[in-house]
Amino acid sequence: MSEETLDPPLPPTDARAEAVAERLFGLKFALRKDDPKHIHDEWQHAADWIHDGYLRQAIEVLATADQAQPASADGSDYGERMRVEYRELTARAGRLRDMLQRYADGMLDFEPACPITLLSRQLKVMDEYALILRRRANIEHISLGNQRIDTTVARDTR
């Protein structure tokens, strides 16, 4: 094999790229996503060439996603911007809520560097912000669609 046919060396990777690569690996082999420990164990024992391949895919996917512009980036429709903002907020809050639940269940495969109390407070603030967006959308007659955030603390007090 000549050097011309070899793939270039991997660019530096971060935890985000490694997590995406591990998830792509789990999807490829149809490993259950509700069993992250099993996926992580399989990933840890995979060959280096498998790691490199999935890391390359993850880097490409993340680069493409980072360059993608939201539909409302031109600023022409504030209602659409609000829907996008609400959708992104609820998705992020959902991921944080899921992580906190996995931590509470003892299923989180890492120890957060940030105190859990601070992460919990962040989730409460995100829930309250989602509530404000819902109230504002209601006042301005903007449909946010069926996206809903599960709130335990945030309540609609007028």
N, C-alpha and C. Protein backbone atom coordinates (compact mmCIF):
# COMPACT_ATOMS: atom_id res chain seq x y z
N MET A 1 0.84 -1.17 0.00
CA MET A 1 0.00 0.00 0.00
C MET A 1 0.89 1.24 0.00
N SER A 2 0.67 2.14 -0.93
CA SER A 2 1.49 3.35 -0.98
C SER A 2 0.95 4.39 -0.01
N GLU A 3 1.79 5.36 0.29
CA GLU A 3 1.36 6.41 1.21
C GLU A 3 0.26 7.27 0.61
N GLU A 4 0.15 7.29 -0.70
CA GLU A 4 -0.88 8.10 -1.35
C GLU A 4 -2.27 7.57 -1.08
N THR A 5 -2.40 6.28 -0.82
CA THR A 5 -3.72 5.70 -0.59
C THR A 5 -4.11 5.70 0.87
N LEU A 6 -3.19 6.02 1.75
CA LEU A 6 -3.51 6.06 3.17
C LEU A 6 -4.32 7.31 3.49
N ASP A 7 -5.25 7.15 4.42
CA ASP A 7 -6.02 8.31 4.86
C ASP A 7 -5.11 9.28 5.59
N PRO A 8 -5.40 10.58 5.49
CA PRO A 8 -4.60 11.54 6.24
C PRO A 8 -4.81 11.32 7.74
N PRO A 9 -3.86 11.81 8.54
CA PRO A 9 -4.02 11.61 9.98
C PRO A 9 -5.27 12.32 10.48
N LEU A 10 -5.81 11.79 11.56
CA LEU A 10 -7.01 12.38 12.15
C LEU A 10 -6.71 13.76 12.72
N PRO A 11 -7.61 14.71 12.52
CA PRO A 11 -7.44 15.99 13.20
C PRO A 11 -7.67 15.79 14.69
N PRO A 12 -7.29 16.76 15.51
CA PRO A 12 -7.54 16.60 16.94
C PRO A 12 -9.03 16.42 17.21
N THR A 13 -9.35 15.53 18.10
CA THR A 13 -10.75 15.27 18.43
C THR A 13 -11.03 15.74 19.85
N ASP A 14 -12.28 16.08 20.08
CA ASP A 14 -12.71 16.47 21.43
C ASP A 14 -13.71 15.44 21.94
N ALA A 15 -14.20 15.67 23.14
CA ALA A 15 -15.14 14.73 23.76
C ALA A 15 -16.42 14.62 22.95
N ARG A 16 -16.83 15.73 22.33
CA ARG A 16 -18.05 15.73 21.52
C ARG A 16 -17.91 14.78 20.33
N ALA A 17 -16.81 14.88 19.61
CA ALA A 17 -16.58 14.01 18.45
C ALA A 17 -16.48 12.55 18.89
N GLU A 18 -15.82 12.31 20.01
CA GLU A 18 -15.69 10.94 20.49
C GLU A 18 -17.04 10.36 20.90
N ALA A 19 -17.89 11.18 21.51
CA ALA A 19 -19.22 10.71 21.90
C ALA A 19 -20.07 10.39 20.67
N VAL A 20 -19.98 11.24 19.65
CA VAL A 20 -20.72 10.98 18.41
C VAL A 20 -20.20 9.72 17.74
N ALA A 21 -18.90 9.55 17.71
CA ALA A 21 -18.31 8.35 17.10
C ALA A 21 -18.80 7.10 17.82
N GLU A 22 -18.81 7.15 19.13
CA GLU A 22 -19.27 6.00 19.91
C GLU A 22 -20.74 5.70 19.63
N ARG A 23 -21.53 6.75 19.50
CA ARG A 23 -22.97 6.59 19.21
C ARG A 23 -23.16 6.01 17.80
N LEU A 24 -22.40 6.50 16.82
CA LEU A 24 -22.47 5.96 15.46
C LEU A 24 -22.09 4.48 15.47
N PHE A 25 -21.08 4.14 16.23
CA PHE A 25 -20.64 2.75 16.36
C PHE A 25 -21.79 1.90 16.91
N GLY A 26 -22.45 2.39 17.95
CA GLY A 26 -23.57 1.65 18.54
C GLY A 26 -24.72 1.49 17.57
N LEU A 27 -25.00 2.52 16.78
CA LEU A 27 -26.07 2.43 15.79
C LEU A 27 -25.75 1.41 14.71
N LYS A 28 -24.50 1.40 14.27
CA LYS A 28 -24.08 0.48 13.21
C LYS A 28 -24.33 -0.97 13.60
N PHE A 29 -24.05 -1.28 14.84
CA PHE A 29 -24.18 -2.66 15.29
C PHE A 29 -25.50 -2.90 16.02
N ALA A 30 -26.42 -1.94 15.90
CA ALA A 30 -27.75 -2.04 16.49
C ALA A 30 -27.69 -2.35 17.99
N LEU A 31 -26.73 -1.73 18.66
CA LEU A 31 -26.64 -1.90 20.10
C LEU A 31 -27.69 -1.00 20.74
N ARG A 32 -28.34 -1.47 21.74
CA ARG A 32 -29.46 -0.73 22.34
C ARG A 32 -28.98 0.57 22.96
N LYS A 33 -29.63 1.68 22.57
CA LYS A 33 -29.22 2.98 23.07
C LYS A 33 -29.55 3.16 24.54
N ASP A 34 -30.47 2.35 25.09
CA ASP A 34 -30.79 2.47 26.50
C ASP A 34 -29.80 1.68 27.36
N ASP A 35 -28.79 1.12 26.72
CA ASP A 35 -27.75 0.39 27.45
C ASP A 35 -26.38 1.00 27.09
N PRO A 36 -26.15 2.28 27.50
CA PRO A 36 -24.91 2.95 27.09
C PRO A 36 -23.65 2.26 27.61
N LYS A 37 -23.74 1.55 28.72
CA LYS A 37 -22.56 0.87 29.25
C LYS A 37 -22.11 -0.22 28.28
N HIS A 38 -23.06 -0.95 27.72
CA HIS A 38 -22.72 -2.02 26.77
C HIS A 38 -22.07 -1.43 25.52
N ILE A 39 -22.65 -0.34 24.99
CA ILE A 39 -22.06 0.31 23.82
C ILE A 39 -20.65 0.78 24.15
N HIS A 40 -20.49 1.42 25.34
CA HIS A 40 -19.18 1.94 25.73
C HIS A 40 -18.16 0.80 25.86
N ASP A 41 -18.57 -0.31 26.46
CA ASP A 41 -17.65 -1.45 26.60
C ASP A 41 -17.23 -2.00 25.24
N GLU A 42 -18.20 -2.14 24.33
CA GLU A 42 -17.88 -2.64 22.98
C GLU A 42 -16.94 -1.67 22.27
N TRP A 43 -17.23 -0.38 22.42
CA TRP A 43 -16.41 0.66 21.78
C TRP A 43 -14.98 0.61 22.32
N GLN A 44 -14.81 0.45 23.63
CA GLN A 44 -13.49 0.43 24.24
C GLN A 44 -12.64 -0.74 23.72
N HIS A 45 -13.29 -1.84 23.33
CA HIS A 45 -12.55 -3.02 22.89
C HIS A 45 -12.43 -3.10 21.37
N ALA A 46 -12.93 -2.12 20.65
CA ALA A 46 -12.84 -2.12 19.18
C ALA A 46 -11.41 -1.78 18.76
N ALA A 47 -11.06 -2.22 17.56
CA ALA A 47 -9.72 -1.98 17.03
C ALA A 47 -9.52 -0.49 16.70
N ASP A 48 -8.25 -0.07 16.66
CA ASP A 48 -7.93 1.33 16.36
C ASP A 48 -8.47 1.78 15.02
N TRP A 49 -8.42 0.91 14.01
CA TRP A 49 -8.90 1.31 12.69
C TRP A 49 -10.41 1.56 12.71
N ILE A 50 -11.13 0.85 13.57
CA ILE A 50 -12.57 1.08 13.72
C ILE A 50 -12.79 2.44 14.37
N HIS A 51 -12.03 2.72 15.42
CA HIS A 51 -12.13 4.04 16.09
C HIS A 51 -11.88 5.16 15.09
N ASP A 52 -10.79 5.02 14.30
CA ASP A 52 -10.45 6.07 13.33
C ASP A 52 -11.57 6.30 12.34
N GLY A 53 -12.16 5.22 11.83
CA GLY A 53 -13.23 5.34 10.85
C GLY A 53 -14.44 6.06 11.42
N TYR A 54 -14.84 5.68 12.62
CA TYR A 54 -16.01 6.33 13.23
C TYR A 54 -15.71 7.76 13.66
N LEU A 55 -14.48 8.02 14.09
CA LEU A 55 -14.10 9.39 14.44
C LEU A 55 -14.13 10.29 13.20
N ARG A 56 -13.66 9.77 12.06
CA ARG A 56 -13.72 10.55 10.82
C ARG A 56 -15.17 10.88 10.46
N GLN A 57 -16.05 9.89 10.57
CA GLN A 57 -17.46 10.13 10.29
C GLN A 57 -18.04 11.17 11.24
N ALA A 58 -17.71 11.04 12.51
CA ALA A 58 -18.24 11.98 13.52
C ALA A 58 -17.75 13.39 13.25
N ILE A 59 -16.48 13.54 12.90
CA ILE A 59 -15.93 14.87 12.61
C ILE A 59 -16.65 15.49 11.41
N GLU A 60 -16.91 14.69 10.37
CA GLU A 60 -17.62 15.19 9.20
C GLU A 60 -19.05 15.59 9.55
N VAL A 61 -19.73 14.75 10.29
CA VAL A 61 -21.12 15.04 10.67
C VAL A 61 -21.19 16.31 11.50
N LEU A 62 -20.31 16.45 12.48
CA LEU A 62 -20.33 17.63 13.34
C LEU A 62 -19.96 18.89 12.57
N ALA A 63 -19.00 18.79 11.65
CA ALA A 63 -18.63 19.96 10.85
C ALA A 63 -19.80 20.42 10.00
N THR A 64 -20.50 19.47 9.40
CA THR A 64 -21.67 19.81 8.59
C THR A 64 -22.76 20.41 9.45
N ALA A 65 -23.01 19.83 10.60
CA ALA A 65 -24.05 20.35 11.49
C ALA A 65 -23.70 21.74 12.00
N ASP A 66 -22.44 21.98 12.30
CA ASP A 66 -22.01 23.29 12.80
C ASP A 66 -22.15 24.38 11.73
N GLN A 67 -22.02 23.98 10.46
CA GLN A 67 -22.12 24.96 9.38
C GLN A 67 -23.56 25.21 8.95
N ALA A 68 -24.46 24.30 9.31
CA ALA A 68 -25.86 24.44 8.89
C ALA A 68 -26.47 25.68 9.54
N GLN A 69 -27.22 26.42 8.75
CA GLN A 69 -27.89 27.61 9.25
C GLN A 69 -29.33 27.28 9.53
N PRO A 70 -29.88 27.73 10.66
CA PRO A 70 -31.30 27.51 10.89
C PRO A 70 -32.13 28.19 9.80
N ALA A 71 -33.33 27.68 9.57
CA ALA A 71 -34.20 28.21 8.52
C ALA A 71 -34.50 29.69 8.72
N SER A 72 -34.48 30.14 9.95
CA SER A 72 -34.87 31.52 10.24
C SER A 72 -33.67 32.44 10.41
N ALA A 73 -32.51 32.03 9.94
CA ALA A 73 -31.30 32.83 10.17
C ALA A 73 -31.34 34.18 9.46
N ASP A 74 -32.18 34.31 8.42
CA ASP A 74 -32.22 35.60 7.73
C ASP A 74 -32.99 36.65 8.51
N GLY A 75 -33.69 36.27 9.58
CA GLY A 75 -34.36 37.22 10.45
C GLY A 75 -35.68 37.74 9.92
N SER A 76 -36.24 37.11 8.89
CA SER A 76 -37.44 37.65 8.28
C SER A 76 -38.71 37.31 9.06
N ASP A 77 -38.72 36.26 9.82
CA ASP A 77 -39.94 35.84 10.49
C ASP A 77 -39.68 35.59 11.97
N TYR A 78 -40.06 36.57 12.81
CA TYR A 78 -39.75 36.40 14.23
C TYR A 78 -40.53 35.24 14.83
N GLY A 79 -41.70 34.91 14.29
CA GLY A 79 -42.46 33.76 14.77
C GLY A 79 -41.70 32.46 14.54
N GLU A 80 -41.10 32.35 13.36
CA GLU A 80 -40.30 31.16 13.06
C GLU A 80 -39.05 31.12 13.93
N ARG A 81 -38.43 32.28 14.17
CA ARG A 81 -37.27 32.32 15.06
C ARG A 81 -37.65 31.85 16.46
N MET A 82 -38.85 32.26 16.92
CA MET A 82 -39.30 31.84 18.25
C MET A 82 -39.53 30.33 18.27
N ARG A 83 -40.11 29.78 17.21
CA ARG A 83 -40.33 28.33 17.15
C ARG A 83 -39.00 27.58 17.18
N VAL A 84 -38.02 28.08 16.40
CA VAL A 84 -36.70 27.43 16.38
C VAL A 84 -36.05 27.53 17.75
N GLU A 85 -36.11 28.71 18.36
CA GLU A 85 -35.52 28.91 19.69
C GLU A 85 -36.16 27.97 20.71
N TYR A 86 -37.48 27.86 20.68
CA TYR A 86 -38.20 26.99 21.62
C TYR A 86 -37.84 25.53 21.37
N ARG A 87 -37.79 25.14 20.09
CA ARG A 87 -37.46 23.75 19.76
C ARG A 87 -36.05 23.41 20.24
N GLU A 88 -35.08 24.32 20.01
CA GLU A 88 -33.71 24.07 20.46
C GLU A 88 -33.62 24.04 21.98
N LEU A 89 -34.33 24.94 22.63
CA LEU A 89 -34.34 24.99 24.10
C LEU A 89 -34.90 23.70 24.69
N THR A 90 -36.03 23.26 24.16
CA THR A 90 -36.64 22.04 24.70
C THR A 90 -35.77 20.82 24.45
N ALA A 91 -35.09 20.80 23.30
CA ALA A 91 -34.18 19.67 23.02
C ALA A 91 -33.02 19.65 24.01
N ARG A 92 -32.43 20.82 24.24
CA ARG A 92 -31.28 20.89 25.18
C ARG A 92 -31.72 20.57 26.60
N ALA A 93 -32.86 21.12 26.99
CA ALA A 93 -33.37 20.84 28.35
C ALA A 93 -33.68 19.35 28.49
N GLY A 94 -34.21 18.75 27.45
CA GLY A 94 -34.50 17.32 27.49
C GLY A 94 -33.25 16.49 27.67
N ARG A 95 -32.18 16.87 26.95
CA ARG A 95 -30.92 16.14 27.11
C ARG A 95 -30.34 16.32 28.51
N LEU A 96 -30.43 17.54 29.05
CA LEU A 96 -29.93 17.77 30.40
C LEU A 96 -30.77 17.01 31.41
N ARG A 97 -32.10 17.02 31.23
CA ARG A 97 -33.00 16.28 32.13
C ARG A 97 -32.67 14.79 32.09
N ASP A 98 -32.42 14.26 30.89
CA ASP A 98 -32.07 12.85 30.74
C ASP A 98 -30.76 12.53 31.46
N MET A 99 -29.76 13.43 31.31
CA MET A 99 -28.48 13.21 31.97
C MET A 99 -28.64 13.21 33.50
N LEU A 100 -29.42 14.17 34.01
CA LEU A 100 -29.64 14.25 35.46
C LEU A 100 -30.38 13.01 35.97
N GLN A 101 -31.33 12.51 35.16
CA GLN A 101 -32.06 11.30 35.56
C GLN A 101 -31.13 10.09 35.57
N ARG A 102 -30.27 9.98 34.54
CA ARG A 102 -29.32 8.87 34.51
C ARG A 102 -28.36 8.97 35.70
N TYR A 103 -27.97 10.20 36.08
CA TYR A 103 -27.11 10.38 37.24
C TYR A 103 -27.82 9.90 38.50
N ALA A 104 -29.10 10.31 38.65
CA ALA A 104 -29.88 9.91 39.82
C ALA A 104 -30.06 8.39 39.88
N ASP A 105 -30.18 7.75 38.71
CA ASP A 105 -30.36 6.30 38.65
C ASP A 105 -29.04 5.54 38.75
N GLY A 106 -27.92 6.27 38.80
CA GLY A 106 -26.61 5.63 38.86
C GLY A 106 -26.18 5.03 37.53
N MET A 107 -26.75 5.50 36.42
CA MET A 107 -26.47 4.94 35.10
C MET A 107 -25.57 5.84 34.25
N LEU A 108 -25.14 6.97 34.78
CA LEU A 108 -24.30 7.89 34.02
C LEU A 108 -22.89 7.32 33.96
N ASP A 109 -22.30 7.28 32.76
CA ASP A 109 -21.00 6.62 32.60
C ASP A 109 -19.82 7.57 32.80
N PHE A 110 -20.09 8.73 33.39
CA PHE A 110 -19.00 9.65 33.74
C PHE A 110 -19.43 10.46 34.96
N GLU A 111 -18.47 11.07 35.59
CA GLU A 111 -18.75 11.92 36.75
C GLU A 111 -18.69 13.37 36.29
N PRO A 112 -19.82 14.10 36.33
CA PRO A 112 -19.79 15.49 35.88
C PRO A 112 -18.82 16.32 36.71
N ALA A 113 -18.07 17.19 36.04
CA ALA A 113 -17.15 18.08 36.75
C ALA A 113 -17.93 19.16 37.48
N CYS A 114 -19.07 19.50 36.94
CA CYS A 114 -19.92 20.55 37.50
C CYS A 114 -20.80 19.95 38.60
N PRO A 115 -21.03 20.66 39.70
CA PRO A 115 -21.91 20.12 40.75
C PRO A 115 -23.32 19.87 40.22
N ILE A 116 -23.93 18.78 40.65
CA ILE A 116 -25.28 18.41 40.22
C ILE A 116 -26.27 19.50 40.60
N THR A 117 -26.06 20.15 41.74
CA THR A 117 -26.99 21.20 42.15
C THR A 117 -27.00 22.35 41.14
N LEU A 118 -25.84 22.67 40.58
CA LEU A 118 -25.77 23.73 39.57
C LEU A 118 -26.46 23.30 38.28
N LEU A 119 -26.25 22.04 37.88
CA LEU A 119 -26.91 21.53 36.68
C LEU A 119 -28.43 21.49 36.87
N SER A 120 -28.87 21.13 38.06
CA SER A 120 -30.30 21.12 38.36
C SER A 120 -30.88 22.53 38.29
N ARG A 121 -30.14 23.49 38.80
CA ARG A 121 -30.58 24.89 38.74
C ARG A 121 -30.66 25.37 37.29
N GLN A 122 -29.68 24.96 36.48
CA GLN A 122 -29.70 25.31 35.07
C GLN A 122 -30.97 24.78 34.40
N LEU A 123 -31.33 23.53 34.72
CA LEU A 123 -32.53 22.95 34.14
C LEU A 123 -33.78 23.72 34.57
N LYS A 124 -33.82 24.14 35.83
CA LYS A 124 -34.98 24.92 36.30
C LYS A 124 -35.09 26.24 35.53
N VAL A 125 -33.96 26.89 35.32
CA VAL A 125 -33.96 28.15 34.57
C VAL A 125 -34.39 27.91 33.13
N MET A 126 -33.92 26.84 32.53
CA MET A 126 -34.32 26.52 31.16
C MET A 126 -35.83 26.26 31.09
N ASP A 127 -36.36 25.54 32.08
CA ASP A 127 -37.80 25.29 32.13
C ASP A 127 -38.59 26.59 32.26
N GLU A 128 -38.10 27.49 33.10
CA GLU A 128 -38.79 28.76 33.26
C GLU A 128 -38.73 29.60 31.99
N TYR A 129 -37.60 29.56 31.30
CA TYR A 129 -37.47 30.29 30.05
C TYR A 129 -38.44 29.72 29.00
N ALA A 130 -38.57 28.39 28.97
CA ALA A 130 -39.52 27.76 28.05
C ALA A 130 -40.95 28.21 28.38
N LEU A 131 -41.24 28.32 29.66
CA LEU A 131 -42.57 28.80 30.07
C LEU A 131 -42.80 30.22 29.57
N ILE A 132 -41.80 31.07 29.71
CA ILE A 132 -41.92 32.46 29.23
C ILE A 132 -42.15 32.48 27.72
N LEU A 133 -41.42 31.66 26.99
CA LEU A 133 -41.62 31.60 25.54
C LEU A 133 -43.03 31.12 25.19
N ARG A 134 -43.53 30.12 25.93
CA ARG A 134 -44.90 29.64 25.68
C ARG A 134 -45.93 30.73 25.95
N ARG A 135 -45.76 31.45 27.05
CA ARG A 135 -46.70 32.54 27.37
C ARG A 135 -46.64 33.64 26.32
N ARG A 136 -45.43 34.00 25.92
CA ARG A 136 -45.28 35.04 24.90
C ARG A 136 -45.90 34.59 23.57
N ALA A 137 -45.66 33.34 23.19
CA ALA A 137 -46.23 32.81 21.96
C ALA A 137 -47.76 32.84 22.02
N ASN A 138 -48.30 32.52 23.17
CA ASN A 138 -49.75 32.55 23.34
C ASN A 138 -50.28 33.98 23.17
N ILE A 139 -49.62 34.94 23.77
CA ILE A 139 -50.04 36.35 23.66
C ILE A 139 -49.94 36.83 22.22
N GLU A 140 -48.88 36.43 21.52
CA GLU A 140 -48.64 36.90 20.16
C GLU A 140 -49.26 35.99 19.10
N HIS A 141 -50.04 34.99 19.54
CA HIS A 141 -50.74 34.06 18.64
C HIS A 141 -49.78 33.35 17.70
N ILE A 142 -48.71 32.84 18.29
CA ILE A 142 -47.71 32.06 17.55
C ILE A 142 -47.80 30.62 18.03
N SER A 143 -48.00 29.72 17.09
CA SER A 143 -48.06 28.31 17.45
C SER A 143 -46.64 27.75 17.56
N LEU A 144 -46.34 27.15 18.68
CA LEU A 144 -45.03 26.52 18.86
C LEU A 144 -45.06 25.06 18.45
N GLY A 145 -46.19 24.61 17.95
CA GLY A 145 -46.32 23.22 17.53
C GLY A 145 -46.56 22.34 18.74
N ASN A 146 -46.26 21.08 18.56
CA ASN A 146 -46.49 20.11 19.63
C ASN A 146 -45.31 19.94 20.56
N GLN A 147 -44.25 20.74 20.35
CA GLN A 147 -43.10 20.61 21.23
C GLN A 147 -43.51 21.07 22.62
N ARG A 148 -43.15 20.27 23.60
CA ARG A 148 -43.48 20.62 24.97
C ARG A 148 -42.33 20.19 25.85
N ILE A 149 -42.04 21.00 26.81
CA ILE A 149 -40.99 20.66 27.76
C ILE A 149 -41.66 20.13 29.03
N ASP A 150 -41.12 19.09 29.61
CA ASP A 150 -41.67 18.56 30.85
C ASP A 150 -41.16 19.41 31.99
N THR A 151 -42.05 20.16 32.59
CA THR A 151 -41.63 21.03 33.68
C THR A 151 -42.18 20.51 34.98
N THR A 152 -41.35 20.55 35.97
CA THR A 152 -41.82 20.16 37.29
C THR A 152 -41.88 21.37 38.19
N VAL A 153 -41.00 22.33 37.96
CA VAL A 153 -40.98 23.51 38.82
C VAL A 153 -41.68 24.70 38.18
N ALA A 154 -41.50 24.84 36.91
CA ALA A 154 -42.05 26.01 36.23
C ALA A 154 -43.56 25.86 36.10
N ARG A 155 -44.28 26.84 36.57
CA ARG A 155 -45.73 26.81 36.43
C ARG A 155 -46.18 28.18 35.93
N ASP A 156 -47.29 28.18 35.27
CA ASP A 156 -47.78 29.39 34.64
C ASP A 156 -48.51 30.24 35.67
N THR A 157 -47.80 31.22 36.21
CA THR A 157 -48.43 32.15 37.15
C THR A 157 -48.56 33.48 36.46
N ARG A 158 -49.75 33.88 36.23
CA ARG A 158 -49.99 35.12 35.47
C ARG A 158 -49.95 36.33 36.38
